[in-house]
Amino acid sequence: MKNIAIFYASTTGKTKCIADEISIHLDELKEYNIRITGAEYMSEYSNIIFGISTWDGGSIQEDWQKIWDEFSTIDFKNKTVAIFGLGDQKKYPDKFVAAMRPLYDQLKKAGANVIGFTSTEDYNFEDSNAIVNGEFVGLVLDLENQSEETTSRIENWITALKKDFI
């Protein structure tokens, strides 16, 4: 699997840790912190993983907010993308991983082939706009309440992605 990158933003370092763990499972993966690079380099890859966390009860992380206008101009046709998101299902049960949805919507609008949907089972939340056709729009991780599930969820997700990344 070639030409793959992961783009993330990380206020507390948790999203970076997940990006690092994902990187261990994928060969030749380039990692980019958008706080440093912005949306630069995104158009250079045909396989992309995006990492985002949900803040303030449903908002996208601040570094994503800063690059959103630039990000929204990128053409993702002929690109296969996957999303992972961090959230807290106990503290924000009605907006669990809400930041994943605007990212998903923009990627679809820009022509991306979005892969990596995951089951909503084994989570305890009231509502999430990050659900399409009964599944999360990507890998969902709750490091606050289900950290013991993180490694196995990542490994299972990566196994599925490897089948779909070109």
C-alpha atoms as a PDB file:
ATOM      1  CA  MET A   1       0.000   0.000   0.000  1.00  0.00           C
ATOM      2  CA  LYS A   2       1.601   3.214  -1.132  1.00  0.00           C
ATOM      3  CA  ASN A   3       0.833   6.890  -1.225  1.00  0.00           C
ATOM      4  CA  ILE A   4      -0.918   7.013   2.125  1.00  0.00           C
ATOM      5  CA  ALA A   5      -0.939   9.755   4.744  1.00  0.00           C
ATOM      6  CA  ILE A   6      -2.632  10.606   7.981  1.00  0.00           C
ATOM      7  CA  PHE A   7      -3.650  14.186   8.781  1.00  0.00           C
ATOM      8  CA  TYR A   8      -4.737  15.077  12.287  1.00  0.00           C
ATOM      9  CA  ALA A   9      -4.927  17.871  14.830  1.00  0.00           C
ATOM     10  CA  SER A  10      -4.317  17.327  18.520  1.00  0.00           C
ATOM     11  CA  THR A  11      -4.908  19.832  21.299  1.00  0.00           C
ATOM     12  CA  THR A  12      -4.190  17.474  24.211  1.00  0.00           C
ATOM     13  CA  GLY A  13      -1.981  14.970  22.398  1.00  0.00           C
ATOM     14  CA  LYS A  14      -4.570  12.173  22.378  1.00  0.00           C
ATOM     15  CA  THR A  15      -5.348  12.388  18.663  1.00  0.00           C
ATOM     16  CA  LYS A  16      -1.614  12.384  17.921  1.00  0.00           C
ATOM     17  CA  CYS A  17      -1.183   9.238  20.033  1.00  0.00           C
ATOM     18  CA  ILE A  18      -3.910   7.519  18.030  1.00  0.00           C
ATOM     19  CA  ALA A  19      -2.330   8.688  14.753  1.00  0.00           C
ATOM     20  CA  ASP A  20       0.978   7.243  15.962  1.00  0.00           C
ATOM     21  CA  GLU A  21      -0.667   3.927  16.854  1.00  0.00           C
ATOM     22  CA  ILE A  22      -2.361   3.748  13.452  1.00  0.00           C
ATOM     23  CA  SER A  23       0.985   4.507  11.787  1.00  0.00           C
ATOM     24  CA  ILE A  24       2.530   1.430  13.395  1.00  0.00           C
ATOM     25  CA  HIS A  25       0.113  -0.762  11.432  1.00  0.00           C
ATOM     26  CA  LEU A  26       0.582   0.828   8.005  1.00  0.00           C
ATOM     27  CA  ASP A  27       3.784   0.749   5.987  1.00  0.00           C
ATOM     28  CA  GLU A  28       5.110   3.858   4.279  1.00  0.00           C
ATOM     29  CA  LEU A  29       2.584   6.112   5.998  1.00  0.00           C
ATOM     30  CA  LYS A  30       3.342   9.832   6.270  1.00  0.00           C
ATOM     31  CA  GLU A  31       1.975  11.706   9.300  1.00  0.00           C
ATOM     32  CA  TYR A  32       0.987  15.372   9.234  1.00  0.00           C
ATOM     33  CA  ASN A  33      -0.129  17.565  12.111  1.00  0.00           C
ATOM     34  CA  ILE A  34      -2.370  20.173  10.480  1.00  0.00           C
ATOM     35  CA  ARG A  35      -1.424  22.694  13.157  1.00  0.00           C
ATOM     36  CA  ILE A  36       1.966  22.754  11.406  1.00  0.00           C
ATOM     37  CA  THR A  37       1.154  21.964   7.770  1.00  0.00           C
ATOM     38  CA  GLY A  38      -2.447  23.084   7.379  1.00  0.00           C
ATOM     39  CA  ALA A  39      -4.114  21.486   4.372  1.00  0.00           C
ATOM     40  CA  GLU A  40      -0.849  21.515   2.431  1.00  0.00           C
ATOM     41  CA  TYR A  41       0.095  18.080   1.038  1.00  0.00           C
ATOM     42  CA  MET A  42      -3.448  16.625   1.248  1.00  0.00           C
ATOM     43  CA  SER A  43      -3.901  16.639  -2.518  1.00  0.00           C
ATOM     44  CA  GLU A  44      -0.644  14.687  -2.975  1.00  0.00           C
ATOM     45  CA  TYR A  45      -2.060  11.428  -1.572  1.00  0.00           C
ATOM     46  CA  SER A  46      -4.544   8.956  -2.996  1.00  0.00           C
ATOM     47  CA  ASN A  47      -5.175   7.233   0.358  1.00  0.00           C
ATOM     48  CA  ILE A  48      -5.765   9.454   3.372  1.00  0.00           C
ATOM     49  CA  ILE A  49      -6.756   9.011   6.999  1.00  0.00           C
ATOM     50  CA  PHE A  50      -8.117  12.036   8.838  1.00  0.00           C
ATOM     51  CA  GLY A  51      -8.140  12.328  12.627  1.00  0.00           C
ATOM     52  CA  ILE A  52     -10.468  14.716  14.428  1.00  0.00           C
ATOM     53  CA  SER A  53     -11.692  15.188  17.966  1.00  0.00           C
ATOM     54  CA  THR A  54     -14.946  16.709  19.174  1.00  0.00           C
ATOM     55  CA  TRP A  55     -14.816  19.731  21.474  1.00  0.00           C
ATOM     56  CA  ASP A  56     -17.208  21.893  23.464  1.00  0.00           C
ATOM     57  CA  GLY A  57     -20.149  19.578  23.091  1.00  0.00           C
ATOM     58  CA  GLY A  58     -20.001  19.147  19.340  1.00  0.00           C
ATOM     59  CA  SER A  59     -17.455  21.487  17.734  1.00  0.00           C
ATOM     60  CA  ILE A  60     -14.542  20.519  15.535  1.00  0.00           C
ATOM     61  CA  GLN A  61     -11.081  20.924  17.011  1.00  0.00           C
ATOM     62  CA  GLU A  62      -9.617  24.448  16.711  1.00  0.00           C
ATOM     63  CA  ASP A  63      -6.832  23.607  14.250  1.00  0.00           C
ATOM     64  CA  TRP A  64      -9.414  22.081  11.908  1.00  0.00           C
ATOM     65  CA  GLN A  65     -11.478  25.257  12.256  1.00  0.00           C
ATOM     66  CA  LYS A  66      -8.454  27.359  11.238  1.00  0.00           C
ATOM     67  CA  ILE A  67      -7.851  25.427   8.001  1.00  0.00           C
ATOM     68  CA  TRP A  68     -11.479  24.685   7.131  1.00  0.00           C
ATOM     69  CA  ASP A  69     -11.773  27.257   4.335  1.00  0.00           C
ATOM     70  CA  GLU A  70      -8.625  25.956   2.645  1.00  0.00           C
ATOM     71  CA  PHE A  71      -9.628  22.322   3.272  1.00  0.00           C
ATOM     72  CA  SER A  72     -13.022  22.970   1.687  1.00  0.00           C
ATOM     73  CA  THR A  73     -11.404  23.866  -1.646  1.00  0.00           C
ATOM     74  CA  ILE A  74      -9.545  20.554  -2.078  1.00  0.00           C
ATOM     75  CA  ASP A  75     -10.786  18.142  -4.732  1.00  0.00           C
ATOM     76  CA  PHE A  76     -10.877  14.627  -3.274  1.00  0.00           C
ATOM     77  CA  LYS A  77     -12.079  12.852  -6.438  1.00  0.00           C
ATOM     78  CA  ASN A  78     -10.131   9.638  -7.035  1.00  0.00           C
ATOM     79  CA  LYS A  79      -9.060   9.600  -3.379  1.00  0.00           C
ATOM     80  CA  THR A  80      -9.938   6.980  -0.809  1.00  0.00           C
ATOM     81  CA  VAL A  81     -10.255   8.401   2.671  1.00  0.00           C
ATOM     82  CA  ALA A  82     -11.049   7.191   6.166  1.00  0.00           C
ATOM     83  CA  ILE A  83     -11.830   9.110   9.345  1.00  0.00           C
ATOM     84  CA  PHE A  84     -11.133   8.429  12.974  1.00  0.00           C
ATOM     85  CA  GLY A  85     -12.700  10.497  15.693  1.00  0.00           C
ATOM     86  CA  LEU A  86     -12.314  10.929  19.429  1.00  0.00           C
ATOM     87  CA  GLY A  87     -15.154  11.782  21.754  1.00  0.00           C
ATOM     88  CA  ASP A  88     -16.586  11.306  25.239  1.00  0.00           C
ATOM     89  CA  GLN A  89     -19.846   9.360  25.232  1.00  0.00           C
ATOM     90  CA  LYS A  90     -20.581   9.950  28.930  1.00  0.00           C
ATOM     91  CA  LYS A  91     -19.910  13.676  29.091  1.00  0.00           C
ATOM     92  CA  TYR A  92     -21.502  14.416  25.704  1.00  0.00           C
ATOM     93  CA  PRO A  93     -23.971  11.568  25.097  1.00  0.00           C
ATOM     94  CA  ASP A  94     -26.154  13.665  22.788  1.00  0.00           C
ATOM     95  CA  LYS A  95     -23.307  14.927  20.564  1.00  0.00           C
ATOM     96  CA  PHE A  96     -20.934  11.973  20.662  1.00  0.00           C
ATOM     97  CA  VAL A  97     -18.113  12.376  18.084  1.00  0.00           C
ATOM     98  CA  ALA A  98     -20.114  15.127  16.378  1.00  0.00           C
ATOM     99  CA  ALA A  99     -17.021  16.640  14.731  1.00  0.00           C
ATOM    100  CA  MET A 100     -16.726  13.643  12.430  1.00  0.00           C
ATOM    101  CA  ARG A 101     -19.868  14.590  10.494  1.00  0.00           C
ATOM    102  CA  PRO A 102     -18.807  17.939   9.004  1.00  0.00           C
ATOM    103  CA  LEU A 103     -15.521  16.323   7.987  1.00  0.00           C
ATOM    104  CA  TYR A 104     -17.382  13.422   6.365  1.00  0.00           C
ATOM    105  CA  ASP A 105     -19.851  15.746   4.635  1.00  0.00           C
ATOM    106  CA  GLN A 106     -17.090  17.915   3.190  1.00  0.00           C
ATOM    107  CA  LEU A 107     -15.145  14.902   1.962  1.00  0.00           C
ATOM    108  CA  LYS A 108     -18.226  13.478   0.246  1.00  0.00           C
ATOM    109  CA  LYS A 109     -19.025  16.890  -1.274  1.00  0.00           C
ATOM    110  CA  ALA A 110     -15.460  17.021  -2.620  1.00  0.00           C
ATOM    111  CA  GLY A 111     -15.832  13.609  -4.288  1.00  0.00           C
ATOM    112  CA  ALA A 112     -13.959  11.350  -1.853  1.00  0.00           C
ATOM    113  CA  ASN A 113     -14.575   7.643  -1.568  1.00  0.00           C
ATOM    114  CA  VAL A 114     -15.061   7.408   2.212  1.00  0.00           C
ATOM    115  CA  ILE A 115     -14.333   4.005   3.733  1.00  0.00           C
ATOM    116  CA  GLY A 116     -13.858   2.663   7.236  1.00  0.00           C
ATOM    117  CA  PHE A 117     -17.395   2.879   8.613  1.00  0.00           C
ATOM    118  CA  THR A 118     -17.746   1.082  11.972  1.00  0.00           C
ATOM    119  CA  SER A 119     -20.493  -0.354  14.121  1.00  0.00           C
ATOM    120  CA  THR A 120     -22.266   1.681  16.791  1.00  0.00           C
ATOM    121  CA  GLU A 121     -22.509  -1.400  19.004  1.00  0.00           C
ATOM    122  CA  ASP A 122     -20.667  -1.460  22.334  1.00  0.00           C
ATOM    123  CA  TYR A 123     -20.974   2.295  22.829  1.00  0.00           C
ATOM    124  CA  ASN A 124     -23.347   3.977  25.283  1.00  0.00           C
ATOM    125  CA  PHE A 125     -24.562   7.334  23.933  1.00  0.00           C
ATOM    126  CA  GLU A 126     -27.889   9.000  23.182  1.00  0.00           C
ATOM    127  CA  ASP A 127     -27.263  10.578  19.789  1.00  0.00           C
ATOM    128  CA  SER A 128     -24.552  11.202  17.231  1.00  0.00           C
ATOM    129  CA  ASN A 129     -24.716  12.970  13.904  1.00  0.00           C
ATOM    130  CA  ALA A 130     -21.668  10.895  12.885  1.00  0.00           C
ATOM    131  CA  ILE A 131     -23.941   7.993  11.955  1.00  0.00           C
ATOM    132  CA  VAL A 132     -24.856   7.259   8.336  1.00  0.00           C
ATOM    133  CA  ASN A 133     -26.937   4.215   7.417  1.00  0.00           C
ATOM    134  CA  GLY A 134     -26.670   2.870  10.973  1.00  0.00           C
ATOM    135  CA  GLU A 135     -22.866   3.049  11.222  1.00  0.00           C
ATOM    136  CA  PHE A 136     -20.313   5.586  12.380  1.00  0.00           C
ATOM    137  CA  VAL A 137     -18.625   7.356   9.449  1.00  0.00           C
ATOM    138  CA  GLY A 138     -15.266   6.073  10.677  1.00  0.00           C
ATOM    139  CA  LEU A 139     -13.412   4.651  13.631  1.00  0.00           C
ATOM    140  CA  VAL A 140     -14.767   6.005  16.920  1.00  0.00           C
ATOM    141  CA  LEU A 141     -12.630   6.035  20.037  1.00  0.00           C
ATOM    142  CA  ASP A 142     -13.546   7.115  23.563  1.00  0.00           C
ATOM    143  CA  LEU A 143     -10.280   7.268  25.480  1.00  0.00           C
ATOM    144  CA  GLU A 144     -12.027   8.618  28.576  1.00  0.00           C
ATOM    145  CA  ASN A 145     -14.466   5.754  29.062  1.00  0.00           C
ATOM    146  CA  GLN A 146     -13.366   2.824  26.876  1.00  0.00           C
ATOM    147  CA  SER A 147      -9.592   3.073  26.619  1.00  0.00           C
ATOM    148  CA  GLU A 148      -9.285  -0.689  27.021  1.00  0.00           C
ATOM    149  CA  GLU A 149     -11.041  -1.107  23.647  1.00  0.00           C
ATOM    150  CA  THR A 150      -8.751   1.247  21.732  1.00  0.00           C
ATOM    151  CA  THR A 151      -6.032  -1.130  20.515  1.00  0.00           C
ATOM    152  CA  SER A 152      -8.415  -3.828  19.295  1.00  0.00           C
ATOM    153  CA  ARG A 153     -10.665  -1.264  17.601  1.00  0.00           C
ATOM    154  CA  ILE A 154      -7.676   0.230  15.777  1.00  0.00           C
ATOM    155  CA  GLU A 155      -6.354  -3.175  14.708  1.00  0.00           C
ATOM    156  CA  ASN A 156      -9.750  -4.307  13.393  1.00  0.00           C
ATOM    157  CA  TRP A 157     -10.249  -1.018  11.558  1.00  0.00           C
ATOM    158  CA  ILE A 158      -6.804  -1.111   9.932  1.00  0.00           C
ATOM    159  CA  THR A 159      -7.404  -4.678   8.764  1.00  0.00           C
ATOM    160  CA  ALA A 160     -10.581  -3.494   7.024  1.00  0.00           C
ATOM    161  CA  LEU A 161      -8.884  -0.404   5.555  1.00  0.00           C
ATOM    162  CA  LYS A 162      -6.075  -2.434   4.026  1.00  0.00           C
ATOM    163  CA  LYS A 163      -8.669  -4.213   1.877  1.00  0.00           C
ATOM    164  CA  ASP A 164     -10.064  -0.934   0.544  1.00  0.00           C
ATOM    165  CA  PHE A 165      -7.005   1.293   0.208  1.00  0.00           C
ATOM    166  CA  ILE A 166      -5.518   1.077  -3.268  1.00  0.00           C
END
